[in-house]
C-alpha atoms as a PDB file:
ATOM      1  CA  MET A   1     -52.744 -31.596  81.277  1.00  0.00           C
ATOM      2  CA  LEU A   2     -49.937 -29.457  80.010  1.00  0.00           C
ATOM      3  CA  THR A   3     -50.973 -28.050  76.299  1.00  0.00           C
ATOM      4  CA  ILE A   4     -48.282 -25.284  74.754  1.00  0.00           C
ATOM      5  CA  MET A   5     -49.646 -23.814  71.189  1.00  0.00           C
ATOM      6  CA  GLY A   6     -47.857 -21.172  68.733  1.00  0.00           C
ATOM      7  CA  GLY A   7     -45.453 -21.475  66.516  1.00  0.00           C
ATOM      8  CA  PRO A   8     -41.651 -21.580  66.630  1.00  0.00           C
ATOM      9  CA  GLY A   9     -40.798 -19.423  69.809  1.00  0.00           C
ATOM     10  CA  GLN A  10     -44.479 -18.651  70.633  1.00  0.00           C
ATOM     11  CA  GLY A  11     -46.041 -20.756  72.940  1.00  0.00           C
ATOM     12  CA  THR A  12     -49.429 -20.960  75.329  1.00  0.00           C
ATOM     13  CA  ILE A  13     -49.039 -23.703  78.450  1.00  0.00           C
ATOM     14  CA  ARG A  14     -52.618 -25.116  79.268  1.00  0.00           C
ATOM     15  CA  THR A  15     -52.850 -27.558  82.195  1.00  0.00           C
ATOM     16  CA  ASP A  16     -54.825 -29.229  84.779  1.00  0.00           C
ATOM     17  CA  PRO A  17     -54.210 -31.538  87.157  1.00  0.00           C
ATOM     18  CA  LYS A  18     -54.473 -34.639  85.494  1.00  0.00           C
ATOM     19  CA  ASP A  19     -50.809 -33.591  85.072  1.00  0.00           C
ATOM     20  CA  HIS A  20     -50.266 -35.495  81.164  1.00  0.00           C
ATOM     21  CA  CYS A  21     -48.226 -33.655  78.992  1.00  0.00           C
ATOM     22  CA  THR A  22     -50.431 -32.686  75.661  1.00  0.00           C
ATOM     23  CA  VAL A  23     -48.379 -30.984  73.152  1.00  0.00           C
ATOM     24  CA  PRO A  24     -47.707 -31.041  69.117  1.00  0.00           C
ATOM     25  CA  ALA A  25     -45.534 -34.084  67.635  1.00  0.00           C
ATOM     26  CA  GLU A  26     -43.136 -31.052  66.631  1.00  0.00           C
ATOM     27  CA  LYS A  27     -42.647 -29.365  70.951  1.00  0.00           C
ATOM     28  CA  LYS A  28     -42.654 -32.855  72.168  1.00  0.00           C
ATOM     29  CA  LEU A  29     -40.959 -31.885  75.988  1.00  0.00           C
ATOM     30  CA  SER A  30     -38.780 -33.486  79.156  1.00  0.00           C
ATOM     31  CA  LEU A  31     -41.210 -33.708  82.276  1.00  0.00           C
ATOM     32  CA  SER A  32     -39.205 -32.145  83.474  1.00  0.00           C
ATOM     33  CA  LEU A  33     -39.449 -29.006  81.534  1.00  0.00           C
ATOM     34  CA  ALA A  34     -43.141 -29.572  81.053  1.00  0.00           C
ATOM     35  CA  ARG A  35     -43.738 -29.268  85.198  1.00  0.00           C
ATOM     36  CA  LEU A  36     -40.888 -26.189  84.913  1.00  0.00           C
ATOM     37  CA  TYR A  37     -43.552 -24.356  82.949  1.00  0.00           C
ATOM     38  CA  ALA A  38     -46.636 -25.321  84.125  1.00  0.00           C
ATOM     39  CA  ARG A  39     -44.979 -24.084  87.785  1.00  0.00           C
ATOM     40  CA  PRO A  40     -46.855 -21.130  89.579  1.00  0.00           C
ATOM     41  CA  GLY A  41     -43.653 -19.091  89.890  1.00  0.00           C
ATOM     42  CA  PHE A  42     -42.666 -19.887  85.919  1.00  0.00           C
ATOM     43  CA  LEU A  43     -46.292 -18.112  84.952  1.00  0.00           C
ATOM     44  CA  LEU A  44     -46.197 -15.773  87.829  1.00  0.00           C
ATOM     45  CA  ARG A  45     -42.766 -14.401  86.417  1.00  0.00           C
ATOM     46  CA  ARG A  46     -44.247 -14.873  82.797  1.00  0.00           C
ATOM     47  CA  ALA A  47     -47.099 -12.785  82.970  1.00  0.00           C
ATOM     48  CA  HIS A  48     -45.118  -9.939  84.373  1.00  0.00           C
ATOM     49  CA  GLN A  49     -43.443 -10.029  81.288  1.00  0.00           C
ATOM     50  CA  ILE A  50     -46.041  -9.829  78.995  1.00  0.00           C
ATOM     51  CA  SER A  51     -47.574  -7.591  81.566  1.00  0.00           C
ATOM     52  CA  ALA A  52     -44.745  -4.794  81.289  1.00  0.00           C
ATOM     53  CA  ALA A  53     -44.648  -4.870  77.747  1.00  0.00           C
ATOM     54  CA  VAL A  54     -48.219  -4.135  77.094  1.00  0.00           C
ATOM     55  CA  PHE A  55     -47.713  -1.381  79.369  1.00  0.00           C
ATOM     56  CA  GLU A  56     -44.549  -0.375  78.267  1.00  0.00           C
ATOM     57  CA  ASP A  57     -46.410  -0.789  74.446  1.00  0.00           C
ATOM     58  CA  ALA A  58     -49.188   1.503  75.748  1.00  0.00           C
ATOM     59  CA  CYS A  59     -47.299   3.947  77.490  1.00  0.00           C
ATOM     60  CA  LYS A  60     -44.350   4.904  74.639  1.00  0.00           C
ATOM     61  CA  GLY A  61     -45.881   7.822  73.684  1.00  0.00           C
ATOM     62  CA  VAL A  62     -45.326   8.872  78.104  1.00  0.00           C
ATOM     63  CA  ALA A  63     -42.200   6.769  78.226  1.00  0.00           C
ATOM     64  CA  LEU A  64     -42.826   5.471  81.494  1.00  0.00           C
ATOM     65  CA  THR A  65     -42.389   2.037  82.629  1.00  0.00           C
ATOM     66  CA  PRO A  66     -44.716   0.122  84.916  1.00  0.00           C
ATOM     67  CA  ALA A  67     -42.211   0.748  87.951  1.00  0.00           C
ATOM     68  CA  GLN A  68     -42.193   4.815  86.491  1.00  0.00           C
ATOM     69  CA  PHE A  69     -45.673   4.467  86.677  1.00  0.00           C
ATOM     70  CA  GLY A  70     -46.452   3.817  90.371  1.00  0.00           C
ATOM     71  CA  VAL A  71     -43.931   5.830  91.843  1.00  0.00           C
ATOM     72  CA  LEU A  72     -45.505   8.966  90.042  1.00  0.00           C
ATOM     73  CA  THR A  73     -48.811   7.562  90.978  1.00  0.00           C
ATOM     74  CA  VAL A  74     -47.649   7.162  95.140  1.00  0.00           C
ATOM     75  CA  LEU A  75     -46.029  10.477  94.871  1.00  0.00           C
ATOM     76  CA  GLN A  76     -49.339  11.890  93.281  1.00  0.00           C
ATOM     77  CA  SER A  77     -50.992  10.916  95.783  1.00  0.00           C
ATOM     78  CA  HIS A  78     -48.454  11.348  99.481  1.00  0.00           C
ATOM     79  CA  PRO A  79     -46.602  14.490  98.155  1.00  0.00           C
ATOM     80  CA  GLY A  80     -43.163  14.537  99.681  1.00  0.00           C
ATOM     81  CA  LEU A  81     -42.870  11.059 100.907  1.00  0.00           C
ATOM     82  CA  GLY A  82     -39.304   9.808 101.980  1.00  0.00           C
ATOM     83  CA  GLN A  83     -37.731   7.608  99.552  1.00  0.00           C
ATOM     84  CA  SER A  84     -37.446   4.283 102.274  1.00  0.00           C
ATOM     85  CA  SER A  85     -41.558   5.443 102.887  1.00  0.00           C
ATOM     86  CA  LEU A  86     -41.485   5.292  99.042  1.00  0.00           C
ATOM     87  CA  ALA A  87     -39.993   1.706  98.298  1.00  0.00           C
ATOM     88  CA  ARG A  88     -42.118   0.094 100.669  1.00  0.00           C
ATOM     89  CA  ALA A  89     -45.596   1.574  99.876  1.00  0.00           C
ATOM     90  CA  LEU A  90     -44.504  -0.094  95.653  1.00  0.00           C
ATOM     91  CA  GLY A  91     -42.543  -3.364  97.461  1.00  0.00           C
ATOM     92  CA  PHE A  92     -39.221  -2.065  95.829  1.00  0.00           C
ATOM     93  CA  ASP A  93     -36.309  -2.921  97.524  1.00  0.00           C
ATOM     94  CA  LYS A  94     -34.162   0.507  98.423  1.00  0.00           C
ATOM     95  CA  VAL A  95     -31.385  -0.029  95.253  1.00  0.00           C
ATOM     96  CA  THR A  96     -34.598  -0.596  92.935  1.00  0.00           C
ATOM     97  CA  VAL A  97     -36.193   2.754  94.108  1.00  0.00           C
ATOM     98  CA  LEU A  98     -33.313   4.859  93.142  1.00  0.00           C
ATOM     99  CA  ARG A  99     -32.432   3.502  89.707  1.00  0.00           C
ATOM    100  CA  VAL A 100     -36.099   4.260  88.994  1.00  0.00           C
ATOM    101  CA  LEU A 101     -35.946   7.818  91.121  1.00  0.00           C
ATOM    102  CA  ARG A 102     -32.666   8.388  89.018  1.00  0.00           C
ATOM    103  CA  GLY A 103     -33.744   8.095  86.101  1.00  0.00           C
ATOM    104  CA  LEU A 104     -37.500   9.938  87.113  1.00  0.00           C
ATOM    105  CA  GLN A 105     -35.425  12.801  88.091  1.00  0.00           C
ATOM    106  CA  ALA A 106     -33.212  13.178  85.270  1.00  0.00           C
ATOM    107  CA  ARG A 107     -36.383  13.418  82.820  1.00  0.00           C
ATOM    108  CA  GLY A 108     -36.829  16.136  85.495  1.00  0.00           C
ATOM    109  CA  LEU A 109     -40.523  14.541  86.976  1.00  0.00           C
ATOM    110  CA  VAL A 110     -39.496  14.401  90.394  1.00  0.00           C
ATOM    111  CA  THR A 111     -37.501  16.408  92.917  1.00  0.00           C
ATOM    112  CA  ARG A 112     -35.548  15.078  95.734  1.00  0.00           C
ATOM    113  CA  GLY A 113     -34.131  16.375  98.749  1.00  0.00           C
ATOM    114  CA  PRO A 114     -33.956  16.757 102.646  1.00  0.00           C
ATOM    115  CA  ALA A 115     -37.174  16.094 104.570  1.00  0.00           C
ATOM    116  CA  GLU A 116     -38.525  18.894 106.376  1.00  0.00           C
ATOM    117  CA  ASP A 117     -39.157  16.612 109.490  1.00  0.00           C
ATOM    118  CA  ASN A 118     -35.908  14.886 109.394  1.00  0.00           C
ATOM    119  CA  ARG A 119     -32.478  16.087 106.610  1.00  0.00           C
ATOM    120  CA  ARG A 120     -30.710  12.788 106.964  1.00  0.00           C
ATOM    121  CA  ASN A 121     -34.410  11.673 105.754  1.00  0.00           C
ATOM    122  CA  VAL A 122     -35.039  12.274 101.462  1.00  0.00           C
ATOM    123  CA  SER A 123     -37.902  13.690 100.721  1.00  0.00           C
ATOM    124  CA  VAL A 124     -39.177  12.939  97.514  1.00  0.00           C
ATOM    125  CA  ALA A 125     -42.270  15.311  95.059  1.00  0.00           C
ATOM    126  CA  LEU A 126     -44.055  15.216  91.794  1.00  0.00           C
ATOM    127  CA  THR A 127     -42.649  18.043  89.746  1.00  0.00           C
ATOM    128  CA  ARG A 128     -45.031  19.882  87.815  1.00  0.00           C
ATOM    129  CA  ALA A 129     -43.368  18.093  84.527  1.00  0.00           C
ATOM    130  CA  GLY A 130     -44.105  14.829  86.918  1.00  0.00           C
ATOM    131  CA  GLU A 131     -48.069  15.298  87.353  1.00  0.00           C
ATOM    132  CA  LEU A 132     -48.451  16.067  83.574  1.00  0.00           C
ATOM    133  CA  VAL A 133     -47.073  12.621  82.616  1.00  0.00           C
ATOM    134  CA  LEU A 134     -48.682  11.197  84.839  1.00  0.00           C
ATOM    135  CA  LYS A 135     -51.840  12.243  83.686  1.00  0.00           C
ATOM    136  CA  GLU A 136     -51.296  11.744  79.945  1.00  0.00           C
ATOM    137  CA  ALA A 137     -50.487   8.619  80.868  1.00  0.00           C
ATOM    138  CA  GLN A 138     -53.781   7.858  82.686  1.00  0.00           C
ATOM    139  CA  LYS A 139     -55.677   6.310  79.352  1.00  0.00           C
ATOM    140  CA  PRO A 140     -52.837   4.321  77.937  1.00  0.00           C
ATOM    141  CA  ALA A 141     -52.334   2.810  80.802  1.00  0.00           C
ATOM    142  CA  GLU A 142     -56.040   1.618  81.507  1.00  0.00           C
ATOM    143  CA  ARG A 143     -55.985   0.356  78.019  1.00  0.00           C
ATOM    144  CA  ALA A 144     -52.560  -1.523  79.149  1.00  0.00           C
ATOM    145  CA  TYR A 145     -54.668  -2.818  81.862  1.00  0.00           C
ATOM    146  CA  LYS A 146     -58.398  -3.681  79.848  1.00  0.00           C
ATOM    147  CA  ARG A 147     -55.505  -5.575  76.908  1.00  0.00           C
ATOM    148  CA  LEU A 148     -53.796  -7.477  80.117  1.00  0.00           C
ATOM    149  CA  MET A 149     -57.421  -8.300  80.786  1.00  0.00           C
ATOM    150  CA  ALA A 150     -58.920  -9.083  77.985  1.00  0.00           C
ATOM    151  CA  PRO A 151     -58.162 -12.723  77.649  1.00  0.00           C
ATOM    152  CA  LEU A 152     -60.440 -13.870  80.465  1.00  0.00           C
ATOM    153  CA  ASP A 153     -64.130 -12.318  80.920  1.00  0.00           C
ATOM    154  CA  LYS A 154     -65.069 -10.319  84.098  1.00  0.00           C
ATOM    155  CA  GLU A 155     -65.502 -12.947  86.821  1.00  0.00           C
ATOM    156  CA  GLN A 156     -62.230 -14.406  85.413  1.00  0.00           C
ATOM    157  CA  GLN A 157     -60.676 -11.293  86.471  1.00  0.00           C
ATOM    158  CA  GLU A 158     -62.021 -10.703  89.048  1.00  0.00           C
ATOM    159  CA  GLN A 159     -61.243 -14.262  90.468  1.00  0.00           C
ATOM    160  CA  LEU A 160     -57.315 -13.436  89.169  1.00  0.00           C
ATOM    161  CA  LEU A 161     -57.993 -10.627  91.161  1.00  0.00           C
ATOM    162  CA  GLN A 162     -59.063 -12.046  94.039  1.00  0.00           C
ATOM    163  CA  LEU A 163     -56.375 -14.836  93.958  1.00  0.00           C
ATOM    164  CA  LEU A 164     -53.633 -13.381  92.813  1.00  0.00           C
ATOM    165  CA  GLN A 165     -54.013 -10.690  96.656  1.00  0.00           C
ATOM    166  CA  LEU A 166     -54.439 -13.635  98.442  1.00  0.00           C
ATOM    167  CA  LEU A 167     -51.568 -15.226  97.178  1.00  0.00           C
ATOM    168  CA  THR A 168     -49.255 -11.997  98.083  1.00  0.00           C
ATOM    169  CA  GLY A 169     -51.444 -11.149 101.589  1.00  0.00           C
ATOM    170  CA  GLU A 170     -51.031 -14.607 102.793  1.00  0.00           C
ATOM    171  CA  LEU A 171     -46.649 -15.606 101.747  1.00  0.00           C
ATOM    172  CA  GLU A 172     -46.579 -11.771 102.513  1.00  0.00           C
ATOM    173  CA  ASP A 173     -43.477 -12.228 104.599  1.00  0.00           C
ATOM    174  CA  GLU A 174     -41.481 -14.457 102.214  1.00  0.00           C
ATOM    175  CA  ALA A 175     -41.107 -11.106  99.884  1.00  0.00           C
ATOM    176  CA  ARG A 176     -37.194  -9.466 100.309  1.00  0.00           C
ATOM    177  CA  ALA A 177     -38.220  -6.343 100.031  1.00  0.00           C
ATOM    178  CA  ALA A 178     -41.167  -5.378 102.256  1.00  0.00           C
ATOM    179  CA  PHE A 179     -44.776  -4.304 100.838  1.00  0.00           C
ATOM    180  CA  VAL A 180     -46.401  -1.341 103.380  1.00  0.00           C
ATOM    181  CA  PRO A 181     -48.642   0.928 101.280  1.00  0.00           C
ATOM    182  CA  PRO A 182     -48.668   4.675 103.239  1.00  0.00           C
ATOM    183  CA  PRO A 183     -51.194   5.535 105.196  1.00  0.00           C
ATOM    184  CA  ALA A 184     -54.471   7.030 104.170  1.00  0.00           C
ATOM    185  CA  PRO A 185     -53.815  11.299 103.632  1.00  0.00           C
ATOM    186  CA  ALA A 186     -55.906  13.184 105.974  1.00  0.00           C
ATOM    187  CA  PRO A 187     -58.263  14.312 105.124  1.00  0.00           C
ATOM    188  CA  ARG A 188     -58.613  18.733 104.559  1.00  0.00           C
ATOM    189  CA  GLN A 189     -59.926  21.368 107.106  1.00  0.00           C
ATOM    190  CA  ALA A 190     -62.368  23.946 105.853  1.00  0.00           C
ATOM    191  CA  ALA A 191     -60.636  26.828 106.210  1.00  0.00           C
END
């Protein structure tokens, strides 16, 4: 069953495997639209739009997007990471990571320069200002996460995350940009 609820310009879609369409009289949909709105790709894209809006609203005080937060978080764990490795660590293409980095660099939150081991590669690091903004963003980012997951009980939250990990893991080869998490940082040696 596909149910769309909400006022004009707003809607919530609920589906069940019987694939019948039940909507208020003023919202009757063609079968093709009903099928479109019940497709996983449509729902995943819509969920991403909502996730980004929730995050940006929660983090407006630090003026970070989810992509910027991701870049700062990876760089905190891997200072001096190469720009290409950074893109892979977030599943970004090269154009996207460059656009995000330019915005962060313009704000003084990251620096880019030649890598120490290969001067042809670009190394990226957080500035002190970047570290401070990332620290300030932790609580709003956590509030955004909790708000996004609030409609689900604990079991549903775990199930959603497991299903998303299964879906992305099984179809990784289909992605337009590779996702390759950086290796864990080496443990620090005691002096």
